[in-house]
């Protein structure tokens, strides 16, 4: 046990005693400092340095008041040393304390003259704030051992002030240790919350990609099945087809069936064991009317506008557009009760524009909290189709979701 204690003290106070450790500026993103103007925050960041320099100035002024400037200059210099070499400053403060008492002729409080008393207390406080709680415990114990040794062995029989120094420093170091522990616990909780949020976001993204893959599997599988059936039936629609044509259709059907099998094999792994393909076709923009009527029945006032020449788009684009509008309106119902919404669908050259905007919540119903999973899913759908999307609050306190999905005209088969 004694060996372990000595190893701990060596790590804290003996290894790299005079290592250069410059005190970094204070963070200015706290609840109070972040409210200050920017030019003020630049100076507030150096507040710890100014505090240490102020303590050194006070100790120096006490030495001048006693008429012996050297007794104030030495402890003040040691205090300033804590800004760059904190552990070394502690040992220098101990080593210089008897010499300061001798130079000042102060024997009543041996070995702690008033300036040494203040300097040692300040040095231990700064070093404890810059190191770990165990370092504070070792400094307190070593200060007591050194003080009592000087009183019992090197004194002239007068009283000492080691006990008062230990009592005062115990309260100060305990406060610093509690602050240290609380800050470390807060940082750990913040880090854990960040990791948890990232894991939750990643899991939500994977779940949304799984949902998209399932829906696209149903869409693509339908089209591949149609290709295979039409390729098999096409030779019977032509009277006396040449062998080359029959072979071409056979090849088309075989390739379609092989592609369908491979698609099911690859995308089938994302299906849950209890997943069942929908009986009805996947929704398209033609089903927006029913969707809007449904949310109106739920109490949401919706104004829908379609601009541009409506045309048939690739089914993946239509499905994603429908899901984006559906999720945006669901968010309005959950997070902005009592608000009205406006849906704009714009058929433009080279793509499809979507915009869903709502006003601020109204009424007595409180909005439901959300984790942003719906926005994540919408962004994933738009990114999958090489589109662009924005989701942000409006000036009146509402919310706007806008997306553009590039798409070409769907050729009729």
Protein backbone atom coordinates (compact mmCIF):
# COMPACT_ATOMS: atom_id res chain seq x y z
CA UNK A 1 0.00 0.00 0.00
CA UNK A 2 2.83 2.37 0.88
CA UNK A 3 4.51 1.58 -2.44
CA UNK A 4 1.28 2.31 -4.28
CA UNK A 5 0.83 5.61 -2.48
CA UNK A 6 4.39 6.66 -3.29
CA UNK A 7 3.90 5.73 -6.95
CA UNK A 8 0.77 7.86 -7.01
CA UNK A 9 2.56 10.83 -5.49
CA UNK A 10 5.43 10.42 -7.94
CA UNK A 11 3.08 10.48 -10.92
CA UNK A 12 1.27 13.55 -9.64
CA UNK A 13 4.09 15.70 -8.21
CA UNK A 14 7.51 14.27 -9.09
CA UNK A 15 7.40 13.26 -12.75
CA UNK A 16 8.17 16.22 -15.05
CA UNK A 17 8.15 18.69 -12.20
CA UNK A 18 9.06 21.67 -14.36
CA UNK A 19 7.11 20.61 -17.45
CA UNK A 20 5.86 23.57 -19.48
CA UNK A 21 2.07 23.73 -19.20
CA UNK A 22 0.79 27.12 -20.29
CA UNK A 23 -2.60 28.01 -18.86
CA UNK A 24 -5.04 28.09 -21.77
CA UNK A 25 -7.59 30.92 -22.16
CA UNK A 26 -10.95 30.35 -20.54
CA UNK A 27 -13.82 29.07 -22.70
CA UNK A 28 -16.40 31.72 -23.48
CA UNK A 29 -19.32 29.50 -24.53
CA UNK A 30 -20.81 29.22 -21.04
CA UNK A 31 -24.36 30.27 -20.13
CA UNK A 32 -23.17 33.71 -19.00
CA UNK A 33 -20.13 34.49 -21.15
CA UNK A 34 -21.82 33.64 -24.45
CA UNK A 35 -24.29 36.46 -23.85
CA UNK A 36 -21.52 39.03 -23.77
CA UNK A 37 -20.50 41.01 -26.88
CA UNK A 38 -17.80 39.40 -28.97
CA UNK A 39 -15.14 42.01 -28.24
CA UNK A 40 -15.80 41.59 -24.50
CA UNK A 41 -15.54 37.78 -24.72
CA UNK A 42 -12.05 38.12 -26.20
CA UNK A 43 -10.89 39.80 -22.98
CA UNK A 44 -12.97 37.62 -20.64
CA UNK A 45 -11.07 34.58 -21.95
CA UNK A 46 -7.98 35.88 -20.09
CA UNK A 47 -9.80 36.34 -16.79
CA UNK A 48 -7.99 33.40 -15.02
CA UNK A 49 -4.63 34.89 -15.96
CA UNK A 50 -5.69 38.29 -14.62
CA UNK A 51 -6.91 36.66 -11.40
CA UNK A 52 -3.54 34.97 -10.80
CA UNK A 53 -1.69 38.18 -11.62
CA UNK A 54 -3.95 40.07 -9.21
CA UNK A 55 -3.18 37.60 -6.42
CA UNK A 56 0.55 38.01 -7.09
CA UNK A 57 0.16 41.79 -6.96
CA UNK A 58 -1.60 41.60 -3.58
CA UNK A 59 1.15 39.41 -2.12
CA UNK A 60 3.78 41.79 -3.43
CA UNK A 61 1.98 44.79 -1.93
CA UNK A 62 1.90 43.04 1.46
CA UNK A 63 5.69 42.68 1.30
CA UNK A 64 6.10 46.37 0.48
CA UNK A 65 3.76 47.28 3.35
CA UNK A 66 6.00 45.41 5.78
CA UNK A 67 8.99 47.36 4.46
CA UNK A 68 10.74 44.30 3.01
CA UNK A 69 9.91 44.09 -0.70
CA UNK A 70 11.90 40.86 -1.25
CA UNK A 71 9.54 38.94 1.03
CA UNK A 72 6.68 39.85 -1.33
CA UNK A 73 8.52 39.57 -4.63
CA UNK A 74 9.58 35.94 -4.14
CA UNK A 75 6.08 34.51 -3.35
CA UNK A 76 4.57 36.70 -6.09
CA UNK A 77 7.01 35.31 -8.65
CA UNK A 78 6.14 31.77 -7.58
CA UNK A 79 2.43 32.56 -7.99
CA UNK A 80 3.04 33.79 -11.53
CA UNK A 81 5.03 30.62 -12.23
CA UNK A 82 1.83 28.59 -11.81
CA UNK A 83 0.69 29.95 -15.20
CA UNK A 84 3.41 27.98 -17.02
CA UNK A 85 4.89 25.38 -14.63
CA UNK A 86 2.28 24.61 -11.96
CA UNK A 87 3.87 21.58 -10.22
CA UNK A 88 7.28 23.22 -10.11
CA UNK A 89 5.70 26.33 -8.59
CA UNK A 90 4.33 24.23 -5.71
CA UNK A 91 7.75 22.85 -4.81
CA UNK A 92 9.35 26.29 -5.09
CA UNK A 93 6.68 27.72 -2.82
CA UNK A 94 7.54 25.12 -0.17
CA UNK A 95 11.30 25.59 -0.58
CA UNK A 96 11.23 29.39 -0.38
CA UNK A 97 8.85 29.65 2.58
CA UNK A 98 11.58 29.31 5.31
CA UNK A 99 13.89 31.75 3.53
CA UNK A 100 11.11 34.33 3.23
CA UNK A 101 10.43 33.98 6.97
CA UNK A 102 14.14 34.37 7.75
CA UNK A 103 14.47 37.45 5.51
CA UNK A 104 11.42 39.03 7.09
CA UNK A 105 12.51 38.14 10.62
CA UNK A 106 9.11 36.58 11.19
CA UNK A 107 9.36 33.76 13.77
CA UNK A 108 5.94 33.81 15.43
CA UNK A 109 4.32 31.96 12.51
CA UNK A 110 7.33 29.95 11.38
CA UNK A 111 7.77 28.79 8.66
CA UNK A 112 4.88 30.76 7.14
CA UNK A 113 5.37 34.50 6.99
CA UNK A 114 2.22 36.42 5.94
CA UNK A 115 3.39 36.61 2.32
CA UNK A 116 4.43 32.92 2.30
CA UNK A 117 1.08 31.97 3.87
CA UNK A 118 -0.85 33.80 1.16
CA UNK A 119 1.49 32.59 -1.58
CA UNK A 120 1.30 28.92 -0.56
CA UNK A 121 -2.50 29.06 -0.34
CA UNK A 122 -2.75 30.71 -3.76
CA UNK A 123 -0.28 28.31 -5.37
CA UNK A 124 -2.11 25.23 -4.06
CA UNK A 125 -5.44 26.63 -5.29
CA UNK A 126 -4.15 27.34 -8.80
CA UNK A 127 -2.29 24.03 -9.09
CA UNK A 128 -5.34 22.09 -7.85
CA UNK A 129 -7.51 23.86 -10.43
CA UNK A 130 -5.05 22.95 -13.20
CA UNK A 131 -4.47 19.32 -12.20
CA UNK A 132 -6.47 16.41 -10.81
CA UNK A 133 -8.17 16.04 -7.40
CA UNK A 134 -5.53 13.57 -6.19
CA UNK A 135 -2.88 16.22 -6.75
CA UNK A 136 -4.72 18.54 -4.37
CA UNK A 137 -4.73 15.84 -1.68
CA UNK A 138 -1.01 15.23 -2.06
CA UNK A 139 -0.20 18.95 -1.95
CA UNK A 140 -2.23 19.38 1.23
CA UNK A 141 -0.51 16.41 2.90
CA UNK A 142 2.99 17.50 1.84
CA UNK A 143 2.34 21.07 2.99
CA UNK A 144 1.27 19.79 6.42
CA UNK A 145 4.26 17.45 6.69
CA UNK A 146 6.70 20.19 5.66
CA UNK A 147 5.15 22.74 8.00
CA UNK A 148 5.17 20.46 11.04
CA UNK A 149 8.74 19.36 10.27
CA UNK A 150 9.87 22.98 10.24
CA UNK A 151 7.99 23.72 13.46
CA UNK A 152 9.35 20.69 15.35
CA UNK A 153 12.93 20.57 14.03
CA UNK A 154 13.89 23.99 12.70
CA UNK A 155 11.89 26.37 14.91
CA UNK A 156 13.15 28.52 17.77
CA UNK A 157 10.45 27.39 20.12
CA UNK A 158 7.80 29.92 18.96
CA UNK A 159 4.40 28.91 17.62
CA UNK A 160 3.63 28.13 14.00
CA UNK A 161 0.76 28.73 11.60
CA UNK A 162 0.71 25.35 9.86
CA UNK A 163 -2.61 24.36 11.38
CA UNK A 164 -4.42 27.52 10.24
CA UNK A 165 -2.92 27.06 6.77
CA UNK A 166 -4.10 23.45 6.64
CA UNK A 167 -7.61 24.35 7.79
CA UNK A 168 -8.05 27.20 5.31
CA UNK A 169 -6.46 25.28 2.46
CA UNK A 170 -8.63 22.22 3.20
CA UNK A 171 -11.81 24.24 2.57
CA UNK A 172 -10.37 25.89 -0.53
CA UNK A 173 -9.01 22.66 -2.03
CA UNK A 174 -12.24 20.82 -1.23
CA UNK A 175 -14.21 23.46 -3.11
CA UNK A 176 -11.85 23.20 -6.08
CA UNK A 177 -12.09 19.38 -6.02
CA UNK A 178 -15.90 19.48 -5.95
CA UNK A 179 -15.89 21.89 -8.88
CA UNK A 180 -13.42 19.64 -10.73
CA UNK A 181 -15.53 16.53 -10.12
CA UNK A 182 -18.75 18.24 -11.13
CA UNK A 183 -17.23 19.58 -14.33
CA UNK A 184 -15.75 16.18 -15.21
CA UNK A 185 -19.10 14.49 -14.59
CA UNK A 186 -20.87 17.08 -16.71
CA UNK A 187 -18.39 16.62 -19.57
CA UNK A 188 -18.79 12.85 -19.36
CA UNK A 189 -22.58 13.12 -19.43
CA UNK A 190 -22.39 15.51 -22.37
CA UNK A 191 -20.07 13.18 -24.25
CA UNK A 192 -22.35 10.22 -23.54
CA UNK A 193 -25.39 12.17 -24.68
CA UNK A 194 -23.56 13.13 -27.88
CA UNK A 195 -22.64 9.51 -28.56
CA UNK A 196 -26.20 8.42 -27.83
CA UNK A 197 -27.63 11.06 -30.16
CA UNK A 198 -25.22 10.04 -32.91
CA UNK A 199 -26.11 6.37 -32.48
CA UNK A 200 -29.82 7.21 -32.49
CA UNK A 201 -29.41 9.29 -35.63
CA UNK A 202 -27.40 6.53 -37.32
CA UNK A 203 -30.00 3.92 -36.37
CA UNK A 204 -32.80 6.16 -37.65
CA UNK A 205 -30.94 6.65 -40.91
CA UNK A 206 -30.47 2.91 -41.34
CA UNK A 207 -34.13 2.25 -40.57
CA UNK A 208 -35.18 4.87 -43.10
CA UNK A 209 -32.89 3.39 -45.73
CA UNK A 210 -34.39 -0.01 -45.00
CA UNK A 211 -37.88 1.39 -45.52
CA UNK A 212 -36.85 3.04 -48.79
CA UNK A 213 -35.20 -0.17 -49.98
CA UNK A 214 -38.36 -2.14 -49.26
CA UNK A 215 -40.55 0.30 -51.16
CA UNK A 216 -38.18 0.46 -54.12
CA UNK A 217 -37.96 -3.32 -54.14
CA UNK A 218 -41.72 -3.50 -54.59
CA UNK A 219 -41.62 -0.85 -57.35
CA UNK A 220 -38.74 -2.38 -59.30
CA UNK A 221 -40.01 -5.93 -58.82
CA UNK A 222 -43.36 -4.92 -60.30
CA UNK A 223 -41.75 -3.45 -63.41
CA UNK A 224 -39.38 -6.39 -63.88
CA UNK A 225 -42.31 -8.79 -63.58
CA UNK A 226 -44.20 -6.85 -66.24
CA UNK A 227 -41.15 -7.01 -68.54
CA UNK A 228 -40.85 -10.76 -68.05
CA UNK A 229 -44.56 -11.38 -68.71
CA UNK A 230 -44.65 -9.15 -71.79
CA UNK A 231 -41.52 -10.78 -73.20
CA UNK A 232 -43.11 -14.21 -72.76
CA UNK A 233 -46.43 -13.18 -74.34
CA UNK A 234 -45.02 -11.06 -77.19
CA UNK A 235 -44.24 -13.97 -79.62
CA UNK A 236 -47.88 -15.09 -79.47
CA UNK A 237 -49.08 -11.68 -80.64
CA UNK A 238 -47.18 -11.97 -83.92
CA UNK A 239 -48.24 -14.43 -86.60
CA UNK A 240 -45.37 -16.73 -87.59
CA UNK A 241 -42.63 -14.82 -85.78
CA UNK A 242 -39.11 -15.50 -87.06
CA UNK A 243 -36.89 -17.67 -84.82
CA UNK A 244 -34.56 -14.76 -84.19
CA UNK A 245 -37.43 -12.72 -82.71
CA UNK A 246 -38.58 -15.60 -80.52
CA UNK A 247 -35.03 -16.10 -79.27
CA UNK A 248 -34.71 -12.39 -78.54
CA UNK A 249 -37.86 -12.42 -76.43
CA UNK A 250 -36.70 -15.57 -74.65
CA UNK A 251 -33.42 -13.83 -73.85
CA UNK A 252 -35.25 -10.74 -72.59
CA UNK A 253 -37.46 -12.86 -70.35
CA UNK A 254 -34.52 -14.87 -68.99
CA UNK A 255 -32.58 -11.69 -68.21
CA UNK A 256 -35.62 -10.11 -66.56
CA UNK A 257 -36.24 -13.16 -64.40
CA UNK A 258 -32.53 -13.37 -63.48
CA UNK A 259 -32.46 -9.66 -62.60
CA UNK A 260 -35.64 -10.04 -60.54
CA UNK A 261 -34.17 -13.03 -58.68
CA UNK A 262 -30.93 -11.18 -57.96
CA UNK A 263 -32.86 -8.10 -56.83
CA UNK A 264 -34.92 -10.14 -54.42
CA UNK A 265 -31.82 -11.90 -53.12
CA UNK A 266 -29.95 -8.66 -52.44
CA UNK A 267 -32.76 -6.49 -51.14
CA UNK A 268 -34.52 -9.31 -49.38
CA UNK A 269 -32.06 -9.10 -46.50
CA UNK A 270 -33.51 -5.76 -45.43
CA UNK A 271 -36.98 -7.14 -44.94
CA UNK A 272 -38.13 -7.94 -41.46
CA UNK A 273 -39.32 -11.47 -40.85
CA UNK A 274 -42.89 -10.28 -40.41
CA UNK A 275 -42.82 -7.87 -43.37
CA UNK A 276 -45.56 -8.31 -45.93
CA UNK A 277 -45.60 -6.56 -49.25
CA UNK A 278 -48.56 -4.20 -49.62
CA UNK A 279 -51.53 -5.50 -51.58
CA UNK A 280 -52.12 -2.13 -53.24
CA UNK A 281 -49.58 -0.40 -55.50
CA UNK A 282 -47.20 2.08 -53.92
CA UNK A 283 -48.70 5.59 -53.71
CA UNK A 284 -47.93 8.28 -56.30
CA UNK A 285 -48.60 11.99 -56.66
CA UNK A 286 -52.07 11.14 -57.98
CA UNK A 287 -52.90 9.99 -54.44
CA UNK A 288 -52.08 13.36 -52.86
CA UNK A 289 -55.74 14.35 -52.97
CA UNK A 290 -56.71 11.44 -50.74
CA UNK A 291 -53.79 12.19 -48.41
CA UNK A 292 -54.77 15.85 -48.04
CA UNK A 293 -58.41 14.90 -47.48
CA UNK A 294 -57.28 12.53 -44.76
CA UNK A 295 -55.29 15.17 -42.86
CA UNK A 296 -58.16 17.63 -43.25
CA UNK A 297 -60.41 15.11 -41.54
CA UNK A 298 -57.83 15.07 -38.72
CA UNK A 299 -58.38 18.81 -38.22
CA UNK A 300 -55.53 20.31 -40.25
CA UNK A 301 -56.34 23.16 -42.61
CA UNK A 302 -54.43 22.49 -45.84
CA UNK A 303 -54.25 24.54 -49.02
CA UNK A 304 -52.88 22.52 -51.95
CA UNK A 305 -51.55 24.06 -55.17
CA UNK A 306 -50.20 22.35 -58.29
CA UNK A 307 -48.29 24.45 -60.81
CA UNK A 308 -46.83 23.52 -64.16
CA UNK A 309 -47.92 20.85 -66.60
CA UNK A 310 -48.57 17.68 -64.61
CA UNK A 311 -46.88 14.67 -66.16
CA UNK A 312 -46.04 11.14 -65.25
CA UNK A 313 -42.68 10.83 -63.50
CA UNK A 314 -40.59 7.77 -62.66
CA UNK A 315 -42.38 5.78 -60.00
CA UNK A 316 -39.47 6.10 -57.55
CA UNK A 317 -39.69 9.88 -57.80
CA UNK A 318 -43.46 9.87 -57.36
CA UNK A 319 -43.23 7.56 -54.36
CA UNK A 320 -40.54 9.66 -52.66
CA UNK A 321 -42.45 12.90 -53.35
CA UNK A 322 -45.60 11.42 -51.86
CA UNK A 323 -43.74 10.24 -48.77
CA UNK A 324 -42.08 13.64 -48.29
CA UNK A 325 -45.41 15.47 -48.37
CA UNK A 326 -46.94 12.82 -46.12
CA UNK A 327 -44.18 13.14 -43.50
CA UNK A 328 -44.22 16.96 -43.65
CA UNK A 329 -47.97 17.08 -43.02
CA UNK A 330 -47.62 14.53 -40.21
CA UNK A 331 -45.01 16.80 -38.63
CA UNK A 332 -47.44 19.72 -38.79
CA UNK A 333 -50.08 17.65 -36.98
CA UNK A 334 -47.61 16.58 -34.28
CA UNK A 335 -45.47 19.66 -33.76
CA UNK A 336 -47.73 22.58 -34.76
CA UNK A 337 -51.27 21.83 -33.55
CA UNK A 338 -53.81 24.38 -34.68
CA UNK A 339 -51.60 25.71 -37.49
CA UNK A 340 -52.57 25.81 -41.15
CA UNK A 341 -50.42 24.31 -43.89
CA UNK A 342 -49.82 24.91 -47.55
CA UNK A 343 -48.66 22.29 -50.03
CA UNK A 344 -47.13 23.31 -53.35
CA UNK A 345 -46.25 20.82 -56.08
CA UNK A 346 -44.42 22.33 -59.04
CA UNK A 347 -43.77 20.46 -62.27
CA UNK A 348 -40.77 22.27 -63.71
CA UNK A 349 -38.35 21.59 -66.51
CA UNK A 350 -36.02 18.85 -65.43
CA UNK A 351 -37.64 17.93 -62.16
CA UNK A 352 -40.27 18.28 -59.47
CA UNK A 353 -40.46 20.98 -56.79
CA UNK A 354 -42.13 20.41 -53.43
CA UNK A 355 -42.87 22.92 -50.69
CA UNK A 356 -44.79 22.35 -47.47
CA UNK A 357 -45.01 25.34 -45.13
CA UNK A 358 -47.02 25.82 -41.96
CA UNK A 359 -47.62 28.63 -39.51
CA UNK A 360 -46.83 28.68 -35.78
CA UNK A 361 -48.81 26.43 -33.41
CA UNK A 362 -52.07 27.89 -32.15
CA UNK A 363 -54.52 26.92 -29.45
CA UNK A 364 -54.13 25.19 -26.11
CA UNK A 365 -52.75 21.90 -27.37
CA UNK A 366 -49.03 21.60 -26.68
CA UNK A 367 -46.76 20.49 -29.55
CA UNK A 368 -45.37 16.97 -29.29
CA UNK A 369 -41.57 16.78 -28.90
CA UNK A 370 -39.67 15.34 -31.84
CA UNK A 371 -36.20 13.94 -32.46
CA UNK A 372 -35.93 15.01 -36.10
CA UNK A 373 -36.27 11.47 -37.47
CA UNK A 374 -38.87 12.55 -40.03
CA UNK A 375 -36.55 15.21 -41.43
CA UNK A 376 -33.76 12.63 -41.60
CA UNK A 377 -35.95 10.32 -43.66
CA UNK A 378 -36.95 13.10 -46.04
CA UNK A 379 -33.34 14.14 -46.56
CA UNK A 380 -32.37 10.54 -47.26
CA UNK A 381 -35.07 10.18 -49.92
CA UNK A 382 -34.06 13.41 -51.63
CA UNK A 383 -30.36 12.57 -51.49
CA UNK A 384 -31.04 9.14 -52.97
CA UNK A 385 -32.52 10.85 -56.04
CA UNK A 386 -29.69 13.45 -56.28
CA UNK A 387 -32.03 16.22 -55.20
CA UNK A 388 -31.77 19.13 -52.79
CA UNK A 389 -33.79 19.88 -49.69
CA UNK A 390 -34.04 22.56 -47.02
CA UNK A 391 -35.94 22.38 -43.73
CA UNK A 392 -35.95 25.46 -41.51
CA UNK A 393 -38.12 27.69 -39.37
CA UNK A 394 -39.85 30.68 -40.93
CA UNK A 395 -39.85 34.28 -39.73
CA UNK A 396 -43.34 33.95 -38.21
CA UNK A 397 -42.39 30.91 -36.10
CA UNK A 398 -43.63 28.27 -38.52
CA UNK A 399 -41.71 25.68 -40.50
CA UNK A 400 -40.91 25.16 -44.16
CA UNK A 401 -39.80 22.06 -46.02
CA UNK A 402 -38.70 22.62 -49.62
CA UNK A 403 -37.24 20.04 -51.99
CA UNK A 404 -36.30 19.71 -55.63
CA UNK A 405 -36.04 16.26 -57.21
CA UNK A 406 -34.53 16.04 -60.69
CA UNK A 407 -36.60 13.84 -62.97
CA UNK A 408 -37.18 13.37 -66.66
CA UNK A 409 -40.47 12.73 -68.37
CA UNK A 410 -41.60 9.11 -68.00
CA UNK A 411 -41.88 7.59 -71.43
CA UNK A 412 -45.07 5.70 -72.10
CA UNK A 413 -44.56 1.96 -72.53
